[in-house]
Amino acid sequence: IIKQDGQKPLAVLDAEYFIDIIIKRI
């Protein structure tokens, strides 16, 4: 994840990063 809000919980950022990786592998 490139954008950094500082407003989202770390767990949300990790989830978005994980989803981003999965999408790029498809």
PDB file of N, CA and C in Angstrom:
ATOM      1  N   ILE A   1       0.853  -1.197   0.000  1.00  0.00           N
ATOM      2  CA  ILE A   1       0.000   0.000   0.000  1.00  0.00           C
ATOM      3  C   ILE A   1       0.888   1.247   0.000  1.00  0.00           C
ATOM      4  N   ILE A   2       0.652   2.089  -0.965  1.00  0.00           N
ATOM      5  CA  ILE A   2       1.522   3.258  -1.127  1.00  0.00           C
ATOM      6  C   ILE A   2       1.037   4.428  -0.278  1.00  0.00           C
ATOM      7  N   LYS A   3      -0.257   4.667  -0.282  1.00  0.00           N
ATOM      8  CA  LYS A   3      -0.775   5.800   0.490  1.00  0.00           C
ATOM      9  C   LYS A   3      -0.750   5.473   1.973  1.00  0.00           C
ATOM     10  N   GLN A   4      -0.359   6.434   2.786  1.00  0.00           N
ATOM     11  CA  GLN A   4      -0.310   6.214   4.235  1.00  0.00           C
ATOM     12  C   GLN A   4      -1.222   7.227   4.891  1.00  0.00           C
ATOM     13  N   ASP A   5      -2.280   6.732   5.524  1.00  0.00           N
ATOM     14  CA  ASP A   5      -3.262   7.622   6.145  1.00  0.00           C
ATOM     15  C   ASP A   5      -2.860   7.932   7.574  1.00  0.00           C
ATOM     16  N   GLY A   6      -2.491   6.903   8.306  1.00  0.00           N
ATOM     17  CA  GLY A   6      -2.230   7.091   9.724  1.00  0.00           C
ATOM     18  C   GLY A   6      -3.534   7.089  10.482  1.00  0.00           C
ATOM     19  N   GLN A   7      -4.636   6.912   9.758  1.00  0.00           N
ATOM     20  CA  GLN A   7      -5.959   6.902  10.389  1.00  0.00           C
ATOM     21  C   GLN A   7      -6.471   5.469  10.519  1.00  0.00           C
ATOM     22  N   LYS A   8      -5.966   4.582   9.665  1.00  0.00           N
ATOM     23  CA  LYS A   8      -6.451   3.203   9.695  1.00  0.00           C
ATOM     24  C   LYS A   8      -5.651   2.382  10.702  1.00  0.00           C
ATOM     25  N   PRO A   9      -6.297   1.432  11.330  1.00  0.00           N
ATOM     26  CA  PRO A   9      -5.581   0.513  12.227  1.00  0.00           C
ATOM     27  C   PRO A   9      -4.590  -0.320  11.430  1.00  0.00           C
ATOM     28  N   LEU A  10      -3.545  -0.775  12.096  1.00  0.00           N
ATOM     29  CA  LEU A  10      -2.501  -1.543  11.424  1.00  0.00           C
ATOM     30  C   LEU A  10      -3.082  -2.807  10.792  1.00  0.00           C
ATOM     31  N   ALA A  11      -4.046  -3.408  11.452  1.00  0.00           N
ATOM     32  CA  ALA A  11      -4.652  -4.636  10.932  1.00  0.00           C
ATOM     33  C   ALA A  11      -5.320  -4.380   9.588  1.00  0.00           C
ATOM     34  N   VAL A  12      -5.939  -3.219   9.447  1.00  0.00           N
ATOM     35  CA  VAL A  12      -6.609  -2.883   8.187  1.00  0.00           C
ATOM     36  C   VAL A  12      -5.570  -2.698   7.096  1.00  0.00           C
ATOM     37  N   LEU A  13      -4.465  -2.035   7.420  1.00  0.00           N
ATOM     38  CA  LEU A  13      -3.407  -1.822   6.437  1.00  0.00           C
ATOM     39  C   LEU A  13      -2.821  -3.158   6.002  1.00  0.00           C
ATOM     40  N   ASP A  14      -2.636  -4.071   6.948  1.00  0.00           N
ATOM     41  CA  ASP A  14      -2.082  -5.382   6.614  1.00  0.00           C
ATOM     42  C   ASP A  14      -3.046  -6.146   5.710  1.00  0.00           C
ATOM     43  N   ALA A  15      -4.332  -6.042   6.001  1.00  0.00           N
ATOM     44  CA  ALA A  15      -5.334  -6.747   5.197  1.00  0.00           C
ATOM     45  C   ALA A  15      -5.343  -6.205   3.772  1.00  0.00           C
ATOM     46  N   GLU A  16      -5.289  -4.887   3.636  1.00  0.00           N
ATOM     47  CA  GLU A  16      -5.293  -4.278   2.307  1.00  0.00           C
ATOM     48  C   GLU A  16      -4.028  -4.665   1.546  1.00  0.00           C
ATOM     49  N   TYR A  17      -2.896  -4.708   2.249  1.00  0.00           N
ATOM     50  CA  TYR A  17      -1.633  -5.082   1.614  1.00  0.00           C
ATOM     51  C   TYR A  17      -1.697  -6.535   1.143  1.00  0.00           C
ATOM     52  N   PHE A  18      -2.251  -7.394   1.980  1.00  0.00           N
ATOM     53  CA  PHE A  18      -2.364  -8.810   1.654  1.00  0.00           C
ATOM     54  C   PHE A  18      -3.273  -8.999   0.444  1.00  0.00           C
ATOM     55  N   ILE A  19      -4.406  -8.304   0.422  1.00  0.00           N
ATOM     56  CA  ILE A  19      -5.340  -8.391  -0.703  1.00  0.00           C
ATOM     57  C   ILE A  19      -4.671  -7.873  -1.967  1.00  0.00           C
ATOM     58  N   ASP A  20      -3.897  -6.806  -1.828  1.00  0.00           N
ATOM     59  CA  ASP A  20      -3.212  -6.218  -2.983  1.00  0.00           C
ATOM     60  C   ASP A  20      -2.262  -7.239  -3.604  1.00  0.00           C
ATOM     61  N   ILE A  21      -1.556  -7.984  -2.779  1.00  0.00           N
ATOM     62  CA  ILE A  21      -0.624  -9.002  -3.278  1.00  0.00           C
ATOM     63  C   ILE A  21      -1.393 -10.102  -4.009  1.00  0.00           C
ATOM     64  N   ILE A  22      -2.500 -10.544  -3.431  1.00  0.00           N
ATOM     65  CA  ILE A  22      -3.294 -11.609  -4.053  1.00  0.00           C
ATOM     66  C   ILE A  22      -3.815 -11.155  -5.411  1.00  0.00           C
ATOM     67  N   ILE A  23      -4.304  -9.936  -5.488  1.00  0.00           N
ATOM     68  CA  ILE A  23      -4.848  -9.422  -6.748  1.00  0.00           C
ATOM     69  C   ILE A  23      -3.755  -9.386  -7.816  1.00  0.00           C
ATOM     70  N   LYS A  24      -2.561  -9.014  -7.443  1.00  0.00           N
ATOM     71  CA  LYS A  24      -1.478  -8.919  -8.423  1.00  0.00           C
ATOM     72  C   LYS A  24      -0.977 -10.295  -8.850  1.00  0.00           C
ATOM     73  N   ARG A  25      -1.281 -11.330  -8.079  1.00  0.00           N
ATOM     74  CA  ARG A  25      -0.845 -12.677  -8.463  1.00  0.00           C
ATOM     75  C   ARG A  25      -1.831 -13.309  -9.419  1.00  0.00           C
ATOM     76  N   ILE A  26      -3.026 -12.796  -9.500  1.00  0.00           N
ATOM     77  CA  ILE A  26      -4.050 -13.391 -10.368  1.00  0.00           C
ATOM     78  C   ILE A  26      -3.753 -13.021 -11.819  1.00  0.00           C
TER      79      ILE A  26
END
